[in-house]
N, C-alpha and C. Protein backbone atom coordinates (compact mmCIF):
# COMPACT_ATOMS: atom_id res chain seq x y z
N MET A 1 -28.33 -5.82 38.21
CA MET A 1 -27.07 -6.30 37.68
C MET A 1 -26.78 -5.57 36.37
N ALA A 2 -25.63 -4.95 36.28
CA ALA A 2 -25.26 -4.17 35.10
C ALA A 2 -24.89 -5.11 33.96
N GLN A 3 -25.33 -4.71 32.77
CA GLN A 3 -25.00 -5.51 31.60
C GLN A 3 -23.56 -5.22 31.19
N ARG A 4 -22.82 -6.25 30.97
CA ARG A 4 -21.42 -6.09 30.60
C ARG A 4 -21.33 -5.71 29.13
N ASP A 5 -20.52 -4.70 28.83
CA ASP A 5 -20.35 -4.27 27.44
C ASP A 5 -19.56 -5.32 26.67
N LYS A 6 -20.07 -5.68 25.51
CA LYS A 6 -19.37 -6.62 24.65
C LYS A 6 -18.35 -5.84 23.81
N PRO A 7 -17.19 -6.43 23.56
CA PRO A 7 -16.22 -5.74 22.70
C PRO A 7 -16.76 -5.64 21.27
N SER A 8 -16.37 -4.57 20.62
CA SER A 8 -16.79 -4.37 19.23
C SER A 8 -16.08 -5.37 18.33
N PRO A 9 -16.59 -5.61 17.12
CA PRO A 9 -15.89 -6.50 16.19
C PRO A 9 -14.46 -6.04 15.94
N TRP A 10 -14.25 -4.73 15.91
CA TRP A 10 -12.90 -4.21 15.69
C TRP A 10 -11.98 -4.61 16.83
N GLN A 11 -12.46 -4.47 18.08
CA GLN A 11 -11.65 -4.85 19.23
C GLN A 11 -11.38 -6.35 19.23
N GLN A 12 -12.37 -7.14 18.84
CA GLN A 12 -12.18 -8.59 18.79
C GLN A 12 -11.13 -8.95 17.74
N THR A 13 -11.17 -8.28 16.59
CA THR A 13 -10.20 -8.56 15.54
C THR A 13 -8.80 -8.20 15.99
N ARG A 14 -8.65 -7.03 16.59
CA ARG A 14 -7.33 -6.61 17.06
C ARG A 14 -6.82 -7.54 18.14
N SER A 15 -7.70 -7.92 19.05
CA SER A 15 -7.31 -8.82 20.13
C SER A 15 -6.90 -10.18 19.56
N GLY A 16 -7.67 -10.68 18.60
CA GLY A 16 -7.36 -11.95 17.98
C GLY A 16 -6.04 -11.91 17.22
N PHE A 17 -5.77 -10.79 16.56
CA PHE A 17 -4.52 -10.64 15.81
C PHE A 17 -3.33 -10.68 16.76
N ALA A 18 -3.43 -9.95 17.87
CA ALA A 18 -2.34 -9.93 18.84
C ALA A 18 -2.11 -11.33 19.42
N THR A 19 -3.20 -12.03 19.69
CA THR A 19 -3.08 -13.40 20.22
C THR A 19 -2.40 -14.32 19.22
N ARG A 20 -2.80 -14.24 17.94
CA ARG A 20 -2.18 -15.08 16.91
C ARG A 20 -0.69 -14.76 16.77
N MET A 21 -0.34 -13.48 16.86
CA MET A 21 1.08 -13.10 16.76
C MET A 21 1.87 -13.69 17.91
N ARG A 22 1.31 -13.64 19.13
CA ARG A 22 2.02 -14.20 20.28
C ARG A 22 2.17 -15.71 20.13
N ARG A 23 1.13 -16.38 19.67
CA ARG A 23 1.19 -17.83 19.51
C ARG A 23 2.25 -18.23 18.49
N ARG A 24 2.39 -17.47 17.46
CA ARG A 24 3.37 -17.78 16.41
C ARG A 24 4.74 -17.21 16.72
N ASN A 25 4.85 -16.52 17.85
CA ASN A 25 6.10 -15.92 18.27
C ASN A 25 6.58 -14.88 17.25
N LEU A 26 5.65 -14.14 16.69
CA LEU A 26 5.97 -13.10 15.72
C LEU A 26 6.10 -11.76 16.43
N LYS A 27 6.90 -10.91 15.86
CA LYS A 27 7.07 -9.57 16.40
C LYS A 27 6.66 -8.56 15.34
N ALA A 28 6.18 -7.43 15.79
CA ALA A 28 5.79 -6.36 14.87
C ALA A 28 7.04 -5.80 14.19
N ALA A 29 6.86 -5.33 12.98
CA ALA A 29 7.97 -4.72 12.24
C ALA A 29 8.36 -3.41 12.92
N PRO A 30 9.63 -3.05 12.86
CA PRO A 30 10.04 -1.78 13.47
C PRO A 30 9.41 -0.61 12.73
N ALA A 31 9.24 0.47 13.46
CA ALA A 31 8.65 1.67 12.87
C ALA A 31 9.57 2.21 11.77
N LEU A 32 8.96 2.79 10.74
CA LEU A 32 9.73 3.38 9.66
C LEU A 32 10.40 4.66 10.13
N THR A 33 11.55 4.94 9.56
CA THR A 33 12.27 6.17 9.91
C THR A 33 11.98 7.23 8.86
N ALA A 34 12.22 8.47 9.23
CA ALA A 34 12.01 9.58 8.31
C ALA A 34 12.96 9.42 7.13
N PRO A 35 12.61 9.74 5.93
CA PRO A 35 11.37 10.34 5.49
C PRO A 35 10.29 9.33 5.11
N SER A 36 10.56 8.05 5.27
CA SER A 36 9.59 7.04 4.85
C SER A 36 8.44 6.87 5.83
N ASP A 37 8.47 7.57 6.95
CA ASP A 37 7.45 7.40 7.97
C ASP A 37 6.13 8.09 7.64
N ASP A 38 6.14 8.99 6.68
CA ASP A 38 4.94 9.77 6.37
C ASP A 38 5.00 10.14 4.88
N SER A 39 3.86 10.08 4.22
CA SER A 39 3.84 10.35 2.78
C SER A 39 4.27 11.79 2.47
N LEU A 40 3.92 12.74 3.32
CA LEU A 40 4.31 14.13 3.06
C LEU A 40 5.81 14.33 3.29
N HIS A 41 6.37 13.67 4.30
CA HIS A 41 7.83 13.74 4.51
C HIS A 41 8.55 13.15 3.29
N TYR A 42 8.02 12.03 2.79
CA TYR A 42 8.65 11.37 1.65
C TYR A 42 8.57 12.26 0.41
N LEU A 43 7.40 12.87 0.17
CA LEU A 43 7.25 13.77 -0.98
C LEU A 43 8.23 14.93 -0.88
N ALA A 44 8.33 15.52 0.30
CA ALA A 44 9.26 16.64 0.48
C ALA A 44 10.70 16.20 0.22
N ALA A 45 11.07 15.01 0.69
CA ALA A 45 12.43 14.51 0.49
C ALA A 45 12.71 14.27 -0.99
N VAL A 46 11.74 13.74 -1.72
CA VAL A 46 11.92 13.51 -3.16
C VAL A 46 12.04 14.84 -3.88
N MET A 47 11.19 15.79 -3.54
CA MET A 47 11.22 17.09 -4.22
C MET A 47 12.50 17.86 -3.91
N ASN A 48 13.03 17.67 -2.72
CA ASN A 48 14.30 18.33 -2.35
C ASN A 48 15.52 17.51 -2.73
N ARG A 49 15.28 16.41 -3.45
CA ARG A 49 16.33 15.52 -3.95
C ARG A 49 17.18 14.91 -2.84
N HIS A 50 16.53 14.63 -1.70
CA HIS A 50 17.22 13.93 -0.61
C HIS A 50 17.06 12.42 -0.77
N VAL A 51 16.08 12.02 -1.59
CA VAL A 51 15.78 10.60 -1.79
C VAL A 51 15.64 10.34 -3.27
N GLU A 52 16.25 9.27 -3.74
CA GLU A 52 16.07 8.81 -5.13
C GLU A 52 14.95 7.79 -5.10
N SER A 53 13.88 8.05 -5.81
CA SER A 53 12.70 7.19 -5.69
C SER A 53 12.47 6.29 -6.89
N ARG A 54 13.48 5.94 -7.62
CA ARG A 54 13.29 5.13 -8.82
C ARG A 54 13.05 3.66 -8.47
N GLY A 55 12.03 3.07 -9.10
CA GLY A 55 11.77 1.65 -8.93
C GLY A 55 10.96 1.27 -7.71
N GLU A 56 10.64 2.21 -6.85
CA GLU A 56 9.82 1.90 -5.69
C GLU A 56 8.35 1.91 -6.08
N PRO A 57 7.49 1.24 -5.32
CA PRO A 57 6.07 1.19 -5.69
C PRO A 57 5.41 2.56 -5.85
N SER A 58 5.84 3.55 -5.09
CA SER A 58 5.22 4.86 -5.19
C SER A 58 5.99 5.83 -6.09
N ALA A 59 7.03 5.35 -6.75
CA ALA A 59 7.86 6.23 -7.58
C ALA A 59 7.16 6.63 -8.86
N LEU A 60 7.54 7.77 -9.37
CA LEU A 60 6.94 8.30 -10.59
C LEU A 60 7.13 7.36 -11.76
N ASP A 61 8.33 6.79 -11.93
CA ASP A 61 8.55 5.90 -13.08
C ASP A 61 7.66 4.66 -13.00
N THR A 62 7.42 4.16 -11.80
CA THR A 62 6.54 3.01 -11.64
C THR A 62 5.11 3.39 -12.01
N ASN A 63 4.66 4.55 -11.56
CA ASN A 63 3.30 5.00 -11.85
C ASN A 63 3.09 5.28 -13.34
N ILE A 64 4.11 5.82 -13.99
CA ILE A 64 4.01 6.07 -15.43
C ILE A 64 3.89 4.76 -16.19
N THR A 65 4.58 3.73 -15.72
CA THR A 65 4.49 2.41 -16.34
C THR A 65 3.12 1.79 -16.10
N MET A 66 2.58 1.96 -14.92
CA MET A 66 1.32 1.30 -14.55
C MET A 66 0.08 1.95 -15.15
N MET A 67 0.11 3.23 -15.43
CA MET A 67 -1.10 3.92 -15.91
C MET A 67 -1.66 3.32 -17.20
N PRO A 68 -0.86 3.07 -18.25
CA PRO A 68 -1.42 2.46 -19.45
C PRO A 68 -1.99 1.06 -19.18
N ILE A 69 -1.35 0.33 -18.27
CA ILE A 69 -1.84 -1.01 -17.94
C ILE A 69 -3.19 -0.92 -17.26
N LEU A 70 -3.32 -0.01 -16.30
CA LEU A 70 -4.60 0.15 -15.60
C LEU A 70 -5.69 0.69 -16.52
N ASP A 71 -5.33 1.63 -17.39
CA ASP A 71 -6.32 2.15 -18.35
C ASP A 71 -6.81 1.05 -19.28
N ALA A 72 -5.88 0.21 -19.75
CA ALA A 72 -6.27 -0.90 -20.63
C ALA A 72 -7.15 -1.89 -19.87
N ALA A 73 -6.84 -2.15 -18.61
CA ALA A 73 -7.66 -3.07 -17.82
C ALA A 73 -9.07 -2.52 -17.65
N ARG A 74 -9.20 -1.22 -17.38
CA ARG A 74 -10.53 -0.61 -17.26
C ARG A 74 -11.30 -0.71 -18.57
N GLN A 75 -10.64 -0.39 -19.67
CA GLN A 75 -11.30 -0.44 -20.97
C GLN A 75 -11.69 -1.87 -21.32
N SER A 76 -10.82 -2.82 -21.03
CA SER A 76 -11.11 -4.22 -21.30
C SER A 76 -12.31 -4.70 -20.48
N ALA A 77 -12.37 -4.30 -19.22
CA ALA A 77 -13.49 -4.69 -18.37
C ALA A 77 -14.78 -4.04 -18.85
N ARG A 78 -14.70 -2.80 -19.32
CA ARG A 78 -15.89 -2.09 -19.77
C ARG A 78 -16.41 -2.66 -21.09
N THR A 79 -15.51 -3.01 -22.01
CA THR A 79 -15.93 -3.46 -23.33
C THR A 79 -15.99 -4.97 -23.47
N GLY A 80 -15.32 -5.69 -22.57
CA GLY A 80 -15.29 -7.15 -22.66
C GLY A 80 -14.36 -7.67 -23.73
N THR A 81 -13.43 -6.85 -24.17
CA THR A 81 -12.49 -7.27 -25.20
C THR A 81 -11.07 -7.32 -24.62
N THR A 82 -10.20 -8.04 -25.31
CA THR A 82 -8.80 -8.11 -24.92
C THR A 82 -8.04 -7.02 -25.65
N LEU A 83 -7.21 -6.30 -24.91
CA LEU A 83 -6.41 -5.23 -25.51
C LEU A 83 -4.95 -5.64 -25.51
N LYS A 84 -4.25 -5.26 -26.56
CA LYS A 84 -2.81 -5.51 -26.64
C LYS A 84 -2.10 -4.18 -26.38
N LEU A 85 -1.14 -4.24 -25.48
CA LEU A 85 -0.38 -3.03 -25.13
C LEU A 85 0.90 -2.98 -25.95
N SER A 86 1.26 -1.79 -26.35
CA SER A 86 2.54 -1.62 -27.05
C SER A 86 3.64 -1.37 -26.02
N ALA A 87 4.85 -1.57 -26.41
CA ALA A 87 5.98 -1.35 -25.51
C ALA A 87 6.09 0.11 -25.15
N LEU A 88 6.49 0.37 -23.92
CA LEU A 88 6.68 1.73 -23.48
C LEU A 88 8.00 2.28 -24.02
N PRO A 89 8.06 3.57 -24.35
CA PRO A 89 9.34 4.15 -24.78
C PRO A 89 10.33 4.16 -23.61
N GLN A 90 11.58 3.95 -23.90
CA GLN A 90 12.60 3.92 -22.84
C GLN A 90 13.04 5.29 -22.47
């Protein structure tokens, strides 16, 4: 008698997720359209000025704002002290 292969944890998770979605009557989100469908397409669109990327999570202005915050968080975690951040220039 052949031993039946058990599904991997990954397959069980995916199967369980699909089952939960069906039970809740949820549908998958529609696929993203170009240029948002791929990070390289998006970068090319931004560089060619086909897309204005201000205020989005991956936008340069957002990342410039976040870097001092993340650096202060790292330093605070390393030293165990509270750091006060100054206002960013406009």
